């Protein structure tokens, strides 16, 4: 018998804005081997000595980091298990979680996007554990991204899992591609948002959520 608390995710990815990808059947081991060999070429092209003790294992470390850590969110099978529980207290006000650490990677330059995600939803019959919000954010952040798409993907996933449109997502991001290259603006912050249901329609709910978000100059990244 199926556990009614487990959210079926089979169709979720069909309903979520996709990340540009092509299908391949490579295993994680195969991916790491290919990335390692290509990263050796990059380092050698830059003139680095791969016989140096400090550098010789860098291609292997980078490959492992890409596949197992910072880009694990490209694999649908690694989406966190989702369980819902009964809203036994009949709580019907916004549930708000702010300052969720969000570490992603700019898909244009492959450098970090570091930020905070703020989420609100109005519970219905079921709710999910608070840590699940963090896990959903981390999963979609762990892939090459643009902040706008990341915001929408998190929002769409929450709407699907919670069976409601009463969801709001705001992300404050610090982009290394702006901070460390090009214009080299170290202080600017980018904010994106997606609000639907009561958070879009009702100014009272919207205001309660938005005023709960710390000002960007209070966020330490």
N, C-alpha and C. Protein backbone atom coordinates (compact mmCIF):
# COMPACT_ATOMS: atom_id res chain seq x y z
N UNK A 1 0.84 -1.20 0.00
CA UNK A 1 0.00 0.00 0.00
C UNK A 1 0.88 1.25 0.00
N UNK A 2 0.53 2.21 -0.83
CA UNK A 2 1.31 3.44 -0.91
C UNK A 2 1.12 4.29 0.34
N UNK A 3 2.20 4.92 0.76
CA UNK A 3 2.15 5.82 1.90
C UNK A 3 1.49 7.12 1.46
N UNK A 4 0.33 7.48 2.02
CA UNK A 4 -0.38 8.70 1.57
C UNK A 4 0.36 9.99 1.91
N UNK A 5 1.36 9.91 2.79
CA UNK A 5 2.09 11.12 3.16
C UNK A 5 3.19 11.45 2.17
N UNK A 6 3.55 10.50 1.30
CA UNK A 6 4.63 10.72 0.34
C UNK A 6 4.05 11.36 -0.93
N UNK A 7 4.63 12.47 -1.32
CA UNK A 7 4.15 13.19 -2.50
C UNK A 7 4.68 12.52 -3.76
N UNK A 8 3.80 12.06 -4.68
CA UNK A 8 4.27 11.48 -5.93
C UNK A 8 4.84 12.57 -6.84
N UNK A 9 6.06 12.36 -7.29
CA UNK A 9 6.75 13.41 -8.04
C UNK A 9 6.90 13.08 -9.52
N UNK A 10 6.27 11.99 -9.96
CA UNK A 10 6.45 11.52 -11.33
C UNK A 10 6.18 12.60 -12.37
N UNK A 11 5.11 13.36 -12.17
CA UNK A 11 4.72 14.36 -13.17
C UNK A 11 5.22 15.77 -12.87
N UNK A 12 5.87 15.94 -11.73
CA UNK A 12 6.23 17.30 -11.31
C UNK A 12 7.14 17.99 -12.32
N UNK A 13 8.15 17.26 -12.81
CA UNK A 13 9.12 17.90 -13.69
C UNK A 13 8.52 18.25 -15.05
N UNK A 14 7.40 17.64 -15.40
CA UNK A 14 6.71 18.00 -16.64
C UNK A 14 6.01 19.34 -16.50
N UNK A 15 5.76 19.76 -15.26
CA UNK A 15 5.02 20.99 -15.00
C UNK A 15 5.93 22.15 -14.61
N UNK A 16 7.22 21.88 -14.47
CA UNK A 16 8.16 22.89 -14.00
C UNK A 16 8.96 23.44 -15.17
N UNK A 17 9.17 24.75 -15.18
CA UNK A 17 9.99 25.39 -16.21
C UNK A 17 11.34 24.68 -16.31
N UNK A 18 11.70 24.17 -17.48
CA UNK A 18 12.91 23.34 -17.57
C UNK A 18 14.20 24.15 -17.63
N UNK A 19 15.26 23.53 -17.16
CA UNK A 19 16.61 24.01 -17.39
C UNK A 19 17.05 23.48 -18.76
N UNK A 20 17.70 24.29 -19.60
CA UNK A 20 18.11 23.79 -20.93
C UNK A 20 19.07 22.61 -20.79
N UNK A 21 18.64 21.45 -21.24
CA UNK A 21 19.44 20.23 -21.11
C UNK A 21 19.22 19.33 -22.31
N UNK A 22 20.17 18.44 -22.55
CA UNK A 22 20.01 17.36 -23.52
C UNK A 22 20.11 16.05 -22.76
N UNK A 23 19.39 15.05 -23.23
CA UNK A 23 19.36 13.76 -22.55
C UNK A 23 20.68 13.02 -22.75
N UNK A 24 21.24 12.47 -21.68
CA UNK A 24 22.33 11.51 -21.82
C UNK A 24 22.18 10.44 -20.76
N UNK A 25 22.78 9.29 -21.02
CA UNK A 25 22.63 8.14 -20.13
C UNK A 25 23.92 7.85 -19.36
N UNK A 26 24.76 8.86 -19.22
CA UNK A 26 26.02 8.67 -18.52
C UNK A 26 25.78 8.46 -17.03
N UNK A 27 26.53 7.54 -16.44
CA UNK A 27 26.49 7.38 -14.99
C UNK A 27 27.30 8.49 -14.34
N UNK A 28 27.15 8.65 -13.04
CA UNK A 28 27.94 9.66 -12.33
C UNK A 28 29.43 9.39 -12.46
N UNK A 29 29.81 8.12 -12.43
CA UNK A 29 31.23 7.77 -12.58
C UNK A 29 31.74 8.18 -13.94
N UNK A 30 30.95 7.93 -14.98
CA UNK A 30 31.36 8.31 -16.34
C UNK A 30 31.44 9.83 -16.48
N UNK A 31 30.48 10.54 -15.90
CA UNK A 31 30.50 12.00 -15.96
C UNK A 31 31.77 12.55 -15.30
N UNK A 32 32.09 12.02 -14.14
CA UNK A 32 33.27 12.51 -13.42
C UNK A 32 34.54 12.24 -14.21
N UNK A 33 34.63 11.08 -14.85
CA UNK A 33 35.82 10.77 -15.64
C UNK A 33 35.97 11.73 -16.82
N UNK A 34 34.89 11.98 -17.53
CA UNK A 34 34.94 12.88 -18.70
C UNK A 34 35.29 14.30 -18.27
N UNK A 35 34.65 14.79 -17.22
CA UNK A 35 34.93 16.15 -16.74
C UNK A 35 36.37 16.27 -16.29
N UNK A 36 36.87 15.26 -15.58
CA UNK A 36 38.26 15.28 -15.12
C UNK A 36 39.23 15.40 -16.28
N UNK A 37 39.02 14.61 -17.33
CA UNK A 37 39.93 14.65 -18.48
C UNK A 37 39.86 16.00 -19.19
N UNK A 38 38.68 16.55 -19.33
CA UNK A 38 38.56 17.84 -20.01
C UNK A 38 39.11 18.98 -19.15
N UNK A 39 38.96 18.87 -17.84
CA UNK A 39 39.49 19.94 -16.99
C UNK A 39 41.01 19.92 -16.97
N UNK A 40 41.60 18.75 -17.14
CA UNK A 40 43.06 18.68 -17.29
C UNK A 40 43.50 19.52 -18.48
N UNK A 41 42.75 19.40 -19.58
CA UNK A 41 43.10 20.14 -20.80
C UNK A 41 42.97 21.64 -20.55
N UNK A 42 41.93 22.06 -19.84
CA UNK A 42 41.75 23.48 -19.53
C UNK A 42 42.94 23.99 -18.72
N UNK A 43 43.32 23.25 -17.70
CA UNK A 43 44.43 23.69 -16.85
C UNK A 43 45.74 23.72 -17.61
N UNK A 44 45.98 22.72 -18.43
CA UNK A 44 47.21 22.69 -19.24
C UNK A 44 47.21 23.82 -20.25
N UNK A 45 46.06 24.14 -20.81
CA UNK A 45 45.95 25.25 -21.76
C UNK A 45 46.29 26.58 -21.10
N UNK A 46 45.96 26.70 -19.82
CA UNK A 46 46.28 27.91 -19.06
C UNK A 46 47.74 27.95 -18.62
N UNK A 47 48.46 26.87 -18.89
CA UNK A 47 49.88 26.84 -18.55
C UNK A 47 50.19 26.32 -17.16
N UNK A 48 49.23 25.67 -16.52
CA UNK A 48 49.44 25.17 -15.16
C UNK A 48 50.14 23.82 -15.20
N UNK A 49 50.97 23.58 -14.18
CA UNK A 49 51.76 22.36 -14.09
C UNK A 49 50.99 21.31 -13.29
N UNK A 50 50.47 20.31 -13.96
CA UNK A 50 49.67 19.29 -13.29
C UNK A 50 50.52 18.28 -12.53
N UNK A 51 51.83 18.43 -12.58
CA UNK A 51 52.70 17.59 -11.76
C UNK A 51 52.92 18.19 -10.38
N UNK A 52 52.52 19.44 -10.20
CA UNK A 52 52.67 20.09 -8.90
C UNK A 52 51.74 19.43 -7.88
N UNK A 53 52.24 19.25 -6.66
CA UNK A 53 51.46 18.57 -5.62
C UNK A 53 50.13 19.26 -5.36
N UNK A 54 50.10 20.58 -5.47
CA UNK A 54 48.88 21.33 -5.18
C UNK A 54 47.85 21.24 -6.30
N UNK A 55 48.30 20.93 -7.51
CA UNK A 55 47.43 20.97 -8.68
C UNK A 55 47.07 19.61 -9.26
N UNK A 56 47.85 18.59 -8.95
CA UNK A 56 47.69 17.32 -9.66
C UNK A 56 46.33 16.66 -9.46
N UNK A 57 45.71 16.88 -8.32
CA UNK A 57 44.40 16.27 -8.07
C UNK A 57 43.23 17.22 -8.31
N UNK A 58 43.53 18.43 -8.77
CA UNK A 58 42.47 19.42 -8.99
C UNK A 58 41.42 18.96 -10.00
N UNK A 59 41.80 18.40 -11.15
CA UNK A 59 40.77 17.94 -12.09
C UNK A 59 39.82 16.92 -11.48
N UNK A 60 40.33 16.01 -10.69
CA UNK A 60 39.49 15.01 -10.03
C UNK A 60 38.57 15.66 -9.01
N UNK A 61 39.11 16.63 -8.26
CA UNK A 61 38.30 17.31 -7.25
C UNK A 61 37.18 18.12 -7.91
N UNK A 62 37.51 18.80 -8.99
CA UNK A 62 36.51 19.61 -9.70
C UNK A 62 35.40 18.71 -10.25
N UNK A 63 35.78 17.59 -10.85
CA UNK A 63 34.80 16.66 -11.41
C UNK A 63 33.85 16.14 -10.33
N UNK A 64 34.40 15.76 -9.20
CA UNK A 64 33.59 15.26 -8.08
C UNK A 64 32.65 16.36 -7.57
N UNK A 65 33.19 17.58 -7.45
CA UNK A 65 32.40 18.71 -6.98
C UNK A 65 31.24 19.00 -7.93
N UNK A 66 31.50 19.01 -9.23
CA UNK A 66 30.46 19.29 -10.21
C UNK A 66 29.33 18.26 -10.13
N UNK A 67 29.67 17.00 -10.15
CA UNK A 67 28.66 15.94 -10.26
C UNK A 67 27.93 15.70 -8.94
N UNK A 68 28.67 15.68 -7.83
CA UNK A 68 28.08 15.27 -6.55
C UNK A 68 27.58 16.44 -5.71
N UNK A 69 28.08 17.65 -5.99
CA UNK A 69 27.75 18.76 -5.10
C UNK A 69 27.05 19.90 -5.82
N UNK A 70 27.81 20.75 -6.52
CA UNK A 70 27.20 22.00 -6.98
C UNK A 70 26.24 21.83 -8.15
N UNK A 71 26.30 20.68 -8.86
CA UNK A 71 25.36 20.46 -9.97
C UNK A 71 24.52 19.20 -9.78
N UNK A 72 24.38 18.73 -8.56
CA UNK A 72 23.57 17.51 -8.35
C UNK A 72 22.11 17.74 -8.72
N UNK A 73 21.68 18.99 -8.72
CA UNK A 73 20.29 19.31 -9.02
C UNK A 73 19.91 19.11 -10.48
N UNK A 74 20.87 18.73 -11.33
CA UNK A 74 20.54 18.40 -12.71
C UNK A 74 19.94 17.00 -12.84
N UNK A 75 20.04 16.22 -11.79
CA UNK A 75 19.57 14.83 -11.80
C UNK A 75 18.21 14.74 -11.10
N UNK A 76 17.17 14.44 -11.85
CA UNK A 76 15.82 14.36 -11.28
C UNK A 76 15.73 13.32 -10.17
N UNK A 77 16.53 12.26 -10.29
CA UNK A 77 16.48 11.19 -9.29
C UNK A 77 16.98 11.66 -7.92
N UNK A 78 17.68 12.79 -7.89
CA UNK A 78 18.24 13.28 -6.63
C UNK A 78 17.34 14.33 -5.96
N UNK A 79 16.15 14.54 -6.52
CA UNK A 79 15.21 15.44 -5.86
C UNK A 79 14.84 14.86 -4.50
N UNK A 80 14.83 15.68 -3.46
CA UNK A 80 14.59 15.16 -2.11
C UNK A 80 13.20 14.53 -1.96
N UNK A 81 13.14 13.48 -1.17
CA UNK A 81 11.87 12.83 -0.88
C UNK A 81 10.95 13.81 -0.17
N UNK A 82 9.71 13.91 -0.64
CA UNK A 82 8.76 14.85 -0.08
C UNK A 82 7.64 14.12 0.64
N UNK A 83 7.41 14.48 1.88
CA UNK A 83 6.28 13.96 2.63
C UNK A 83 5.44 15.12 3.14
N UNK A 84 4.14 14.91 3.19
CA UNK A 84 3.22 15.92 3.72
C UNK A 84 2.56 15.36 4.98
N UNK A 85 2.18 16.26 5.86
CA UNK A 85 1.50 15.85 7.09
C UNK A 85 0.21 16.65 7.23
N UNK A 86 -0.69 16.12 8.00
CA UNK A 86 -1.98 16.78 8.20
C UNK A 86 -1.80 18.09 8.96
N UNK A 87 -2.51 19.11 8.50
CA UNK A 87 -2.51 20.40 9.17
C UNK A 87 -3.49 20.32 10.35
N UNK A 88 -3.08 19.59 11.39
CA UNK A 88 -4.01 19.26 12.47
C UNK A 88 -4.40 20.45 13.33
N UNK A 89 -3.62 21.53 13.26
CA UNK A 89 -3.97 22.73 14.03
C UNK A 89 -4.87 23.67 13.24
N UNK A 90 -5.17 23.27 11.98
CA UNK A 90 -6.02 24.09 11.10
C UNK A 90 -5.42 25.49 10.93
N UNK A 91 -4.10 25.54 10.89
CA UNK A 91 -3.41 26.83 10.75
C UNK A 91 -3.69 27.39 9.36
N UNK A 92 -4.24 28.60 9.29
CA UNK A 92 -4.64 29.14 7.99
C UNK A 92 -4.06 30.53 7.72
N UNK A 93 -3.00 30.87 8.42
CA UNK A 93 -2.29 32.12 8.14
C UNK A 93 -1.00 31.80 7.39
N UNK A 94 -0.35 32.80 6.80
CA UNK A 94 0.86 32.52 6.05
C UNK A 94 1.93 31.84 6.90
N UNK A 95 2.53 30.82 6.34
CA UNK A 95 3.71 30.20 6.93
C UNK A 95 4.91 30.76 6.17
N UNK A 96 5.77 31.46 6.86
CA UNK A 96 6.86 32.21 6.22
C UNK A 96 8.21 31.71 6.72
N UNK A 97 9.10 31.42 5.78
CA UNK A 97 10.49 31.10 6.14
C UNK A 97 11.41 32.01 5.33
N UNK A 98 12.24 32.77 6.03
CA UNK A 98 13.14 33.71 5.36
C UNK A 98 14.59 33.28 5.53
N UNK A 99 15.45 33.90 4.72
CA UNK A 99 16.90 33.72 4.83
C UNK A 99 17.36 32.28 4.62
N UNK A 100 16.75 31.58 3.69
CA UNK A 100 17.23 30.25 3.33
C UNK A 100 18.50 30.41 2.50
N UNK A 101 19.60 29.88 2.98
CA UNK A 101 20.87 30.01 2.26
C UNK A 101 20.74 29.39 0.87
N UNK A 102 21.15 30.14 -0.14
CA UNK A 102 20.98 29.72 -1.52
C UNK A 102 22.30 29.87 -2.26
N UNK A 103 22.92 28.74 -2.59
CA UNK A 103 24.19 28.73 -3.31
C UNK A 103 23.96 28.13 -4.69
N UNK A 104 24.13 28.95 -5.72
CA UNK A 104 23.91 28.48 -7.07
C UNK A 104 25.10 28.87 -7.94
N UNK A 105 24.92 28.71 -9.26
CA UNK A 105 26.02 28.96 -10.19
C UNK A 105 25.47 29.64 -11.44
N UNK A 106 26.06 30.76 -11.80
CA UNK A 106 25.65 31.49 -12.99
C UNK A 106 25.93 30.64 -14.24
N UNK A 107 24.91 30.41 -15.05
CA UNK A 107 25.11 29.57 -16.22
C UNK A 107 25.85 30.28 -17.36
N UNK A 108 26.03 31.59 -17.24
CA UNK A 108 26.74 32.34 -18.27
C UNK A 108 28.25 32.29 -18.09
N UNK A 109 28.70 32.30 -16.84
CA UNK A 109 30.14 32.33 -16.57
C UNK A 109 30.62 31.23 -15.64
N UNK A 110 29.69 30.42 -15.13
CA UNK A 110 30.02 29.32 -14.20
C UNK A 110 30.76 29.83 -12.97
N UNK A 111 30.27 30.92 -12.41
CA UNK A 111 30.79 31.44 -11.14
C UNK A 111 29.61 31.52 -10.17
N UNK A 112 29.88 31.63 -8.87
CA UNK A 112 28.80 31.50 -7.88
C UNK A 112 27.76 32.62 -7.91
N UNK A 113 26.54 32.23 -7.59
CA UNK A 113 25.47 33.14 -7.17
C UNK A 113 25.19 32.78 -5.71
N UNK A 114 25.41 33.71 -4.82
CA UNK A 114 25.21 33.47 -3.39
C UNK A 114 24.09 34.36 -2.90
N UNK A 115 23.15 33.78 -2.19
CA UNK A 115 22.03 34.60 -1.78
C UNK A 115 21.17 33.98 -0.70
N UNK A 116 19.96 34.53 -0.60
CA UNK A 116 18.97 34.07 0.37
C UNK A 116 17.61 33.96 -0.34
N UNK A 117 16.88 32.91 -0.01
CA UNK A 117 15.53 32.72 -0.54
C UNK A 117 14.52 32.87 0.59
N UNK A 118 13.41 33.51 0.28
CA UNK A 118 12.35 33.75 1.25
C UNK A 118 11.06 33.16 0.68
N UNK A 119 10.38 32.35 1.48
CA UNK A 119 9.21 31.60 1.01
C UNK A 119 8.03 31.80 1.95
N UNK A 120 6.85 31.86 1.36
CA UNK A 120 5.61 31.86 2.15
C UNK A 120 4.58 31.01 1.43
N UNK A 121 3.77 30.33 2.21
CA UNK A 121 2.59 29.68 1.64
C UNK A 121 1.48 29.64 2.69
N UNK A 122 0.26 29.58 2.21
CA UNK A 122 -0.91 29.49 3.10
C UNK A 122 -1.32 28.02 3.16
N UNK A 123 -1.13 27.38 4.32
CA UNK A 123 -1.42 25.95 4.42
C UNK A 123 -2.88 25.63 4.17
N UNK A 124 -3.09 24.47 3.54
CA UNK A 124 -4.43 23.95 3.39
C UNK A 124 -4.62 22.77 4.32
N UNK A 125 -5.06 21.65 3.76
CA UNK A 125 -5.27 20.44 4.57
C UNK A 125 -3.94 19.83 4.98
N UNK A 126 -2.92 19.96 4.12
CA UNK A 126 -1.62 19.36 4.38
C UNK A 126 -0.54 20.43 4.45
N UNK A 127 0.54 20.10 5.17
CA UNK A 127 1.72 20.97 5.23
C UNK A 127 2.95 20.09 5.06
N UNK A 128 4.08 20.74 4.78
CA UNK A 128 5.35 20.01 4.72
C UNK A 128 6.28 20.54 5.80
N UNK A 129 7.24 19.73 6.18
CA UNK A 129 8.20 20.14 7.19
C UNK A 129 9.03 21.32 6.70
N UNK A 130 9.44 22.17 7.62
CA UNK A 130 10.19 23.37 7.25
C UNK A 130 11.47 23.02 6.51
N UNK A 131 12.15 21.95 6.91
CA UNK A 131 13.41 21.61 6.26
C UNK A 131 13.21 21.24 4.80
N UNK A 132 12.00 20.81 4.44
CA UNK A 132 11.73 20.47 3.04
C UNK A 132 11.81 21.71 2.16
N UNK A 133 11.43 22.87 2.71
CA UNK A 133 11.55 24.11 1.94
C UNK A 133 13.02 24.37 1.60
N UNK A 134 13.89 24.19 2.59
CA UNK A 134 15.32 24.38 2.36
C UNK A 134 15.84 23.40 1.31
N UNK A 135 15.39 22.16 1.39
CA UNK A 135 15.87 21.13 0.45
C UNK A 135 15.40 21.41 -0.98
N UNK A 136 14.18 21.90 -1.12
CA UNK A 136 13.69 22.24 -2.46
C UNK A 136 14.51 23.38 -3.05
N UNK A 137 14.77 24.40 -2.25
CA UNK A 137 15.59 25.53 -2.70
C UNK A 137 16.97 25.04 -3.12
N UNK A 138 17.59 24.23 -2.28
CA UNK A 138 18.95 23.77 -2.56
C UNK A 138 19.00 22.92 -3.83
N UNK A 139 18.00 22.07 -4.03
CA UNK A 139 17.99 21.21 -5.20
C UNK A 139 17.99 22.03 -6.49
N UNK A 140 17.09 22.99 -6.60
CA UNK A 140 17.02 23.77 -7.84
C UNK A 140 18.17 24.76 -7.97
N UNK A 141 18.78 25.14 -6.85
CA UNK A 141 19.94 26.03 -6.91
C UNK A 141 21.18 25.30 -7.40
N UNK A 142 21.24 23.99 -7.17
CA UNK A 142 22.44 23.22 -7.49
C UNK A 142 22.46 22.78 -8.94
N UNK A 143 22.50 23.77 -9.80
CA UNK A 143 22.60 23.56 -11.24
C UNK A 143 22.98 24.91 -11.85
N UNK A 144 23.52 24.94 -13.06
CA UNK A 144 23.73 26.24 -13.72
C UNK A 144 22.39 26.95 -13.84
N UNK A 145 22.36 28.23 -13.43
CA UNK A 145 21.08 28.91 -13.31
C UNK A 145 21.14 30.35 -13.76
N UNK A 146 19.96 30.88 -14.04
CA UNK A 146 19.71 32.32 -14.00
C UNK A 146 18.72 32.52 -12.86
N UNK A 147 18.80 33.63 -12.17
CA UNK A 147 18.02 33.80 -10.95
C UNK A 147 16.52 33.80 -11.22
N UNK A 148 16.13 34.35 -12.37
CA UNK A 148 14.70 34.39 -12.69
C UNK A 148 14.13 32.96 -12.79
N UNK A 149 14.84 32.09 -13.50
CA UNK A 149 14.37 30.71 -13.65
C UNK A 149 14.36 29.98 -12.32
N UNK A 150 15.40 30.19 -11.51
CA UNK A 150 15.47 29.55 -10.20
C UNK A 150 14.24 29.92 -9.36
N UNK A 151 13.89 31.19 -9.38
CA UNK A 151 12.72 31.66 -8.62
C UNK A 151 11.45 30.95 -9.08
N UNK A 152 11.27 30.86 -10.39
CA UNK A 152 10.06 30.24 -10.94
C UNK A 152 10.03 28.74 -10.67
N UNK A 153 11.17 28.07 -10.79
CA UNK A 153 11.21 26.63 -10.55
C UNK A 153 10.84 26.29 -9.11
N UNK A 154 11.38 27.05 -8.16
CA UNK A 154 11.05 26.82 -6.75
C UNK A 154 9.56 27.04 -6.53
N UNK A 155 9.03 28.12 -7.09
CA UNK A 155 7.61 28.44 -6.94
C UNK A 155 6.73 27.34 -7.52
N UNK A 156 7.05 26.90 -8.72
CA UNK A 156 6.24 25.87 -9.38
C UNK A 156 6.28 24.55 -8.62
N UNK A 157 7.46 24.20 -8.10
CA UNK A 157 7.58 22.96 -7.32
C UNK A 157 6.73 23.02 -6.06
N UNK A 158 6.75 24.15 -5.38
CA UNK A 158 5.96 24.30 -4.16
C UNK A 158 4.47 24.24 -4.45
N UNK A 159 4.03 24.89 -5.52
CA UNK A 159 2.62 24.83 -5.89
C UNK A 159 2.19 23.39 -6.15
N UNK A 160 3.05 22.62 -6.82
CA UNK A 160 2.72 21.23 -7.13
C UNK A 160 2.66 20.38 -5.87
N UNK A 161 3.67 20.50 -5.03
CA UNK A 161 3.77 19.67 -3.82
C UNK A 161 2.67 20.01 -2.82
N UNK A 162 2.36 21.29 -2.69
CA UNK A 162 1.39 21.74 -1.70
C UNK A 162 -0.05 21.77 -2.22
N UNK A 163 -0.22 21.55 -3.53
CA UNK A 163 -1.55 21.58 -4.17
C UNK A 163 -2.26 22.90 -3.89
N UNK A 164 -1.53 23.99 -4.08
CA UNK A 164 -2.12 25.32 -3.88
C UNK A 164 -1.37 26.34 -4.71
N UNK A 165 -2.07 27.41 -5.06
CA UNK A 165 -1.44 28.54 -5.74
C UNK A 165 -1.05 29.62 -4.75
N UNK A 166 -1.36 29.41 -3.47
CA UNK A 166 -1.07 30.42 -2.45
C UNK A 166 0.38 30.31 -2.00
N UNK A 167 1.28 30.69 -2.89
CA UNK A 167 2.72 30.53 -2.68
C UNK A 167 3.44 31.80 -3.11
N UNK A 168 4.47 32.17 -2.36
CA UNK A 168 5.29 33.34 -2.71
C UNK A 168 6.76 32.99 -2.53
N UNK A 169 7.58 33.41 -3.48
CA UNK A 169 9.02 33.17 -3.42
C UNK A 169 9.75 34.45 -3.80
N UNK A 170 10.72 34.83 -2.99
CA UNK A 170 11.60 35.96 -3.29
C UNK A 170 13.04 35.49 -3.11
N UNK A 171 13.90 35.86 -4.04
CA UNK A 171 15.33 35.54 -3.91
C UNK A 171 16.14 36.82 -4.00
N UNK A 172 17.06 37.01 -3.06
CA UNK A 172 18.07 38.06 -3.11
C UNK A 172 19.40 37.40 -3.44
N UNK A 173 19.99 37.78 -4.57
CA UNK A 173 21.20 37.12 -5.02
C UNK A 173 22.36 38.07 -5.25
N UNK A 174 23.54 37.61 -4.87
CA UNK A 174 24.79 38.33 -5.11
C UNK A 174 25.55 37.56 -6.18
N UNK A 175 25.72 38.17 -7.35
CA UNK A 175 26.26 37.48 -8.52
C UNK A 175 27.75 37.75 -8.69
N UNK A 176 28.54 36.69 -8.63
CA UNK A 176 29.99 36.84 -8.78
C UNK A 176 30.37 37.33 -10.16
N UNK A 177 29.53 37.05 -11.17
CA UNK A 177 29.85 37.53 -12.52
C UNK A 177 29.75 39.04 -12.61
N UNK A 178 29.00 39.65 -11.69
CA UNK A 178 28.94 41.11 -11.59
C UNK A 178 29.97 41.63 -10.60
N UNK A 179 30.19 40.86 -9.55
CA UNK A 179 31.05 41.30 -8.45
C UNK A 179 32.53 41.22 -8.77
N UNK A 180 32.96 40.19 -9.51
CA UNK A 180 34.39 39.93 -9.68
C UNK A 180 34.90 40.14 -11.10
N UNK A 181 34.02 40.45 -12.04
CA UNK A 181 34.45 40.66 -13.43
C UNK A 181 33.55 41.73 -14.04
N UNK A 182 33.86 42.11 -15.28
CA UNK A 182 33.03 43.11 -15.94
C UNK A 182 32.99 44.41 -15.16
N UNK A 183 31.82 44.80 -14.71
CA UNK A 183 31.65 46.06 -14.00
C UNK A 183 32.28 46.03 -12.61
N UNK A 184 32.47 44.83 -12.04
CA UNK A 184 33.10 44.65 -10.72
C UNK A 184 32.39 45.46 -9.63
N UNK A 185 31.07 45.32 -9.60
CA UNK A 185 30.26 45.99 -8.58
C UNK A 185 30.07 45.02 -7.42
N UNK A 186 30.76 45.28 -6.33
CA UNK A 186 30.78 44.35 -5.20
C UNK A 186 29.59 44.52 -4.26
N UNK A 187 28.78 45.55 -4.44
CA UNK A 187 27.74 45.84 -3.45
C UNK A 187 26.31 45.63 -3.94
N UNK A 188 26.11 45.49 -5.24
CA UNK A 188 24.74 45.38 -5.75
C UNK A 188 24.14 44.01 -5.43
N UNK A 189 22.83 43.99 -5.29
CA UNK A 189 22.09 42.76 -5.01
C UNK A 189 20.92 42.68 -5.98
N UNK A 190 20.63 41.48 -6.46
CA UNK A 190 19.53 41.27 -7.41
C UNK A 190 18.37 40.59 -6.70
N UNK A 191 17.17 41.15 -6.83
CA UNK A 191 15.98 40.55 -6.22
C UNK A 191 15.01 40.11 -7.32
N UNK A 192 14.54 38.87 -7.21
CA UNK A 192 13.51 38.35 -8.09
C UNK A 192 12.37 37.80 -7.24
N UNK A 193 11.16 37.78 -7.80
CA UNK A 193 10.02 37.32 -7.01
C UNK A 193 8.98 36.67 -7.90
N UNK A 194 8.23 35.75 -7.30
CA UNK A 194 7.07 35.13 -7.95
C UNK A 194 6.01 34.93 -6.88
N UNK A 195 4.90 35.65 -7.01
CA UNK A 195 3.80 35.58 -6.06
C UNK A 195 2.54 35.15 -6.79
N UNK A 196 1.77 34.27 -6.18
CA UNK A 196 0.52 33.83 -6.79
C UNK A 196 -0.53 33.61 -5.70
N UNK A 197 -1.76 33.36 -6.13
CA UNK A 197 -2.84 33.14 -5.18
C UNK A 197 -3.07 34.35 -4.29
N UNK A 198 -3.27 34.12 -3.00
CA UNK A 198 -3.58 35.22 -2.09
C UNK A 198 -2.43 36.21 -1.96
N UNK A 199 -1.20 35.76 -2.19
CA UNK A 199 -0.06 36.66 -2.06
C UNK A 199 0.01 37.65 -3.22
N UNK A 200 -0.64 37.31 -4.33
CA UNK A 200 -0.73 38.22 -5.46
C UNK A 200 -2.02 39.05 -5.39
N UNK A 201 -3.09 38.42 -4.91
CA UNK A 201 -4.41 39.05 -4.95
C UNK A 201 -4.73 39.90 -3.73
N UNK A 202 -4.19 39.54 -2.58
CA UNK A 202 -4.57 40.19 -1.32
C UNK A 202 -3.40 41.01 -0.79
N UNK A 203 -3.57 42.32 -0.73
CA UNK A 203 -2.48 43.21 -0.31
C UNK A 203 -2.06 42.97 1.14
N UNK A 204 -2.97 42.52 2.00
CA UNK A 204 -2.63 42.28 3.39
C UNK A 204 -1.67 41.09 3.52
N UNK A 205 -1.98 39.99 2.83
CA UNK A 205 -1.09 38.82 2.85
C UNK A 205 0.24 39.15 2.20
N UNK A 206 0.17 39.89 1.08
CA UNK A 206 1.40 40.24 0.37
C UNK A 206 2.30 41.11 1.24
N UNK A 207 1.72 42.08 1.91
CA UNK A 207 2.49 42.99 2.75
C UNK A 207 3.10 42.25 3.94
N UNK A 208 2.34 41.33 4.53
CA UNK A 208 2.87 40.57 5.66
C UNK A 208 4.12 39.80 5.26
N UNK A 209 4.07 39.20 4.07
CA UNK A 209 5.24 38.44 3.59
C UNK A 209 6.41 39.36 3.27
N UNK A 210 6.17 40.38 2.47
CA UNK A 210 7.26 41.23 2.01
C UNK A 210 7.93 41.99 3.15
N UNK A 211 7.17 42.40 4.14
CA UNK A 211 7.77 43.14 5.26
C UNK A 211 8.55 42.22 6.20
N UNK A 212 8.34 40.92 6.08
CA UNK A 212 9.09 39.98 6.91
C UNK A 212 10.49 39.71 6.36
N UNK A 213 10.73 40.12 5.12
CA UNK A 213 12.02 39.86 4.48
C UNK A 213 13.03 40.91 4.93
N UNK A 214 14.19 40.49 5.44
CA UNK A 214 15.21 41.47 5.84
C UNK A 214 15.65 42.32 4.66
N UNK A 215 16.01 43.56 4.93
CA UNK A 215 16.56 44.40 3.88
C UNK A 215 17.86 43.78 3.38
N UNK A 216 18.16 43.98 2.10
CA UNK A 216 19.33 43.33 1.52
C UNK A 216 20.62 43.72 2.21
N UNK A 217 20.70 44.94 2.74
CA UNK A 217 21.95 45.34 3.40
C UNK A 217 22.09 44.72 4.79
N UNK A 218 21.07 43.94 5.20
CA UNK A 218 21.16 43.22 6.47
C UNK A 218 21.54 41.76 6.25
N UNK A 219 21.69 41.37 4.99
CA UNK A 219 22.01 39.99 4.67
C UNK A 219 23.52 39.87 4.47
N UNK A 220 24.12 38.97 5.19
CA UNK A 220 25.57 38.79 5.10
C UNK A 220 25.86 37.56 4.26
N UNK A 221 26.54 37.77 3.17
CA UNK A 221 26.83 36.70 2.22
C UNK A 221 28.34 36.55 2.09
